Protein backbone atom coordinates (compact mmCIF):
# COMPACT_ATOMS: atom_id res chain seq x y z
CA UNK A 1 134.71 113.92 95.25
CA UNK A 2 137.56 115.73 96.90
CA UNK A 3 135.37 118.37 98.53
CA UNK A 4 137.12 117.81 101.87
CA UNK A 5 140.71 117.70 100.65
CA UNK A 6 143.00 119.20 103.25
CA UNK A 7 140.49 118.75 106.08
CA UNK A 8 141.22 116.81 109.25
CA UNK A 9 138.17 115.41 111.02
CA UNK A 10 137.93 113.92 114.49
CA UNK A 11 134.84 111.71 114.73
CA UNK A 12 133.80 110.55 118.18
CA UNK A 13 131.94 107.28 118.17
CA UNK A 14 133.45 106.69 114.76
CA UNK A 15 133.94 102.92 114.81
CA UNK A 16 130.50 101.80 113.63
CA UNK A 17 127.03 102.97 112.65
CA UNK A 18 126.70 106.63 111.70
CA UNK A 19 130.27 107.33 112.80
CA UNK A 20 131.62 104.69 110.44
CA UNK A 21 129.49 106.12 107.63
CA UNK A 22 130.84 109.59 108.33
CA UNK A 23 134.43 108.33 108.42
CA UNK A 24 134.06 106.50 105.11
CA UNK A 25 132.46 109.49 103.40
CA UNK A 26 134.98 111.98 104.75
CA UNK A 27 137.86 109.85 103.46
CA UNK A 28 136.12 109.40 100.09
CA UNK A 29 135.87 113.19 99.91
CA UNK A 30 139.61 113.61 100.58
CA UNK A 31 139.75 114.29 104.32
CA UNK A 32 142.04 112.65 106.81
CA UNK A 33 140.00 111.13 109.62
CA UNK A 34 140.63 110.27 113.23
CA UNK A 35 138.21 107.61 114.41
CA UNK A 36 137.75 108.07 118.15
CA UNK A 37 135.86 105.35 119.99
CA UNK A 38 135.82 103.03 122.99
CA UNK A 39 135.29 100.13 120.55
CA UNK A 40 138.95 99.36 119.99
CA UNK A 41 138.73 96.32 117.71
CA UNK A 42 136.06 97.87 115.47
CA UNK A 43 137.88 101.21 115.34
CA UNK A 44 141.23 99.68 114.42
CA UNK A 45 139.62 97.50 111.75
CA UNK A 46 137.91 100.52 110.19
CA UNK A 47 141.09 102.59 110.24
CA UNK A 48 142.98 99.71 108.62
CA UNK A 49 140.27 99.43 105.97
CA UNK A 50 140.43 103.16 105.22
CA UNK A 51 144.22 103.17 104.89
CA UNK A 52 146.66 106.03 105.37
CA UNK A 53 143.90 108.63 105.49
CA UNK A 54 142.57 107.24 108.78
CA UNK A 55 143.82 106.77 112.30
CA UNK A 56 142.10 105.08 115.23
CA UNK A 57 142.44 106.51 118.73
CA UNK A 58 140.78 105.18 121.83
CA UNK A 59 138.41 107.92 122.95
CA UNK A 60 135.98 107.96 125.85
CA UNK A 61 134.09 111.25 125.59
CA UNK A 62 133.34 111.14 129.32
CA UNK A 63 137.04 111.22 130.27
CA UNK A 64 139.16 114.39 130.05
CA UNK A 65 142.43 112.42 129.86
CA UNK A 66 141.04 110.52 126.91
CA UNK A 67 140.22 113.81 125.13
CA UNK A 68 143.78 115.00 125.60
CA UNK A 69 145.20 111.78 124.18
CA UNK A 70 142.91 111.87 121.17
CA UNK A 71 143.74 115.49 120.43
CA UNK A 72 147.48 114.83 120.73
CA UNK A 73 147.26 111.77 118.48
CA UNK A 74 145.30 113.80 115.91
CA UNK A 75 147.81 116.64 115.78
CA UNK A 76 150.78 114.25 115.79
CA UNK A 77 149.43 112.23 112.86
CA UNK A 78 147.59 114.71 110.69
CA UNK A 79 147.82 118.32 111.92
CA UNK A 80 145.24 120.46 113.63
CA UNK A 81 141.63 119.32 113.19
CA UNK A 82 139.26 121.40 111.10
CA UNK A 83 136.13 119.33 111.73
CA UNK A 84 134.75 117.78 114.91
CA UNK A 85 131.89 115.33 114.56
CA UNK A 86 130.32 114.68 117.96
CA UNK A 87 128.76 111.33 117.17
CA UNK A 88 129.46 109.24 120.29
CA UNK A 89 126.26 108.26 122.00
CA UNK A 90 124.72 105.62 124.20
CA UNK A 91 121.28 104.55 125.30
CA UNK A 92 119.90 102.67 128.27
CA UNK A 93 116.63 100.79 128.44
CA UNK A 94 114.53 99.82 131.44
CA UNK A 95 110.92 100.27 132.54
CA UNK A 96 110.29 103.64 134.16
CA UNK A 97 109.82 102.18 137.64
CA UNK A 98 113.12 100.29 137.36
CA UNK A 99 115.23 102.82 135.46
CA UNK A 100 118.53 103.26 137.37
CA UNK A 101 120.27 106.53 138.10
CA UNK A 102 123.48 105.07 136.72
CA UNK A 103 121.71 104.62 133.36
CA UNK A 104 120.54 108.22 133.39
CA UNK A 105 124.02 109.49 134.26
CA UNK A 106 125.81 107.35 131.66
CA UNK A 107 123.53 108.57 128.89
CA UNK A 108 123.76 112.25 129.83
CA UNK A 109 127.51 112.11 130.51
CA UNK A 110 128.13 110.60 127.08
CA UNK A 111 125.46 112.24 124.95
CA UNK A 112 125.48 115.77 126.38
CA UNK A 113 128.52 116.44 128.56
CA UNK A 114 130.75 114.63 126.08
CA UNK A 115 129.56 116.88 123.26
CA UNK A 116 130.09 120.06 125.25
CA UNK A 117 133.45 119.31 126.80
CA UNK A 118 135.07 117.67 123.78
CA UNK A 119 134.04 120.71 121.74
CA UNK A 120 135.36 123.02 124.45
CA UNK A 121 138.67 121.16 124.45
CA UNK A 122 139.02 121.38 120.66
CA UNK A 123 137.92 125.01 120.23
CA UNK A 124 141.42 126.53 120.29
CA UNK A 125 142.60 124.09 117.62
CA UNK A 126 139.50 124.51 115.46
CA UNK A 127 139.83 128.29 115.68
CA UNK A 128 143.53 128.14 114.78
CA UNK A 129 142.71 126.61 111.40
CA UNK A 130 139.56 128.63 110.71
CA UNK A 131 139.18 131.59 108.41
CA UNK A 132 136.22 133.61 107.18
CA UNK A 133 136.51 131.87 103.80
CA UNK A 134 137.00 128.38 105.25
CA UNK A 135 135.64 128.04 108.79
CA UNK A 136 136.18 125.01 110.97
CA UNK A 137 133.08 122.99 111.71
CA UNK A 138 131.46 121.27 114.66
CA UNK A 139 128.78 118.73 113.78
CA UNK A 140 126.64 117.40 116.63
CA UNK A 141 124.60 114.28 115.98
CA UNK A 142 121.15 114.41 117.55
CA UNK A 143 118.21 112.09 117.13
CA UNK A 144 114.57 112.14 116.16
CA UNK A 145 114.01 110.86 119.72
CA UNK A 146 115.00 114.33 120.92
CA UNK A 147 111.94 115.68 119.08
CA UNK A 148 109.31 112.99 119.45
CA UNK A 149 108.35 110.52 122.17
CA UNK A 150 110.43 107.34 121.86
CA UNK A 151 108.71 103.97 121.48
CA UNK A 152 111.15 102.13 123.75
CA UNK A 153 111.81 102.47 127.50
CA UNK A 154 114.91 104.60 126.98
CA UNK A 155 113.85 107.34 129.36
CA UNK A 156 117.12 109.27 129.37
CA UNK A 157 117.96 108.97 125.66
CA UNK A 158 115.29 111.28 124.22
CA UNK A 159 115.89 114.02 126.80
CA UNK A 160 119.65 113.75 126.23
CA UNK A 161 119.20 114.21 122.48
CA UNK A 162 116.80 117.12 123.04
CA UNK A 163 119.57 118.63 125.15
CA UNK A 164 122.03 118.08 122.28
CA UNK A 165 119.65 119.92 119.94
CA UNK A 166 119.37 122.84 122.38
CA UNK A 167 123.11 122.84 123.07
CA UNK A 168 123.84 122.85 119.34
CA UNK A 169 121.66 125.92 118.79
CA UNK A 170 123.28 127.72 121.72
CA UNK A 171 126.82 126.82 120.67
CA UNK A 172 126.13 127.78 117.06
CA UNK A 173 124.87 131.21 118.09
CA UNK A 174 128.09 131.84 120.04
CA UNK A 175 130.65 130.07 117.89
CA UNK A 176 129.56 131.34 114.48
CA UNK A 177 131.12 134.68 115.44
CA UNK A 178 134.42 132.98 116.20
């Protein structure tokens, strides 16, 4: 315990599921956590449950104004973030011959564009706190559905997570030097 003392983590999609698990573990390990999510009631309840080490901010990863607000709230409450967990994600299900373009766009905007542009927005802050001995971190949450063929009719989800896997490799190759 205490392995993350002094760290500040922003977790997108942090109100439930994997994001909630990450938030709870980070706090247990001594980090301060910003739970960013569109699920306001769930996010506030989790932050209340985690106490002074947690803050909820409404965060829509598809909206640049929302990113700015989340970043400002993070720095105002806890200091500059040292960890970004890109966990926010959505899925959409429909048979292939009925699958709507809006479903495709929502999934890719959230699962891929959200990862890229939230990371881009936070890079200056993450770099400001990084050192060779203690680098900042970006954690992107993918899915097994980005590797294998999904069972369900979620035609955009698997490709979006495959894109997250590819994007993560590309970003890692560039950002490790920074």
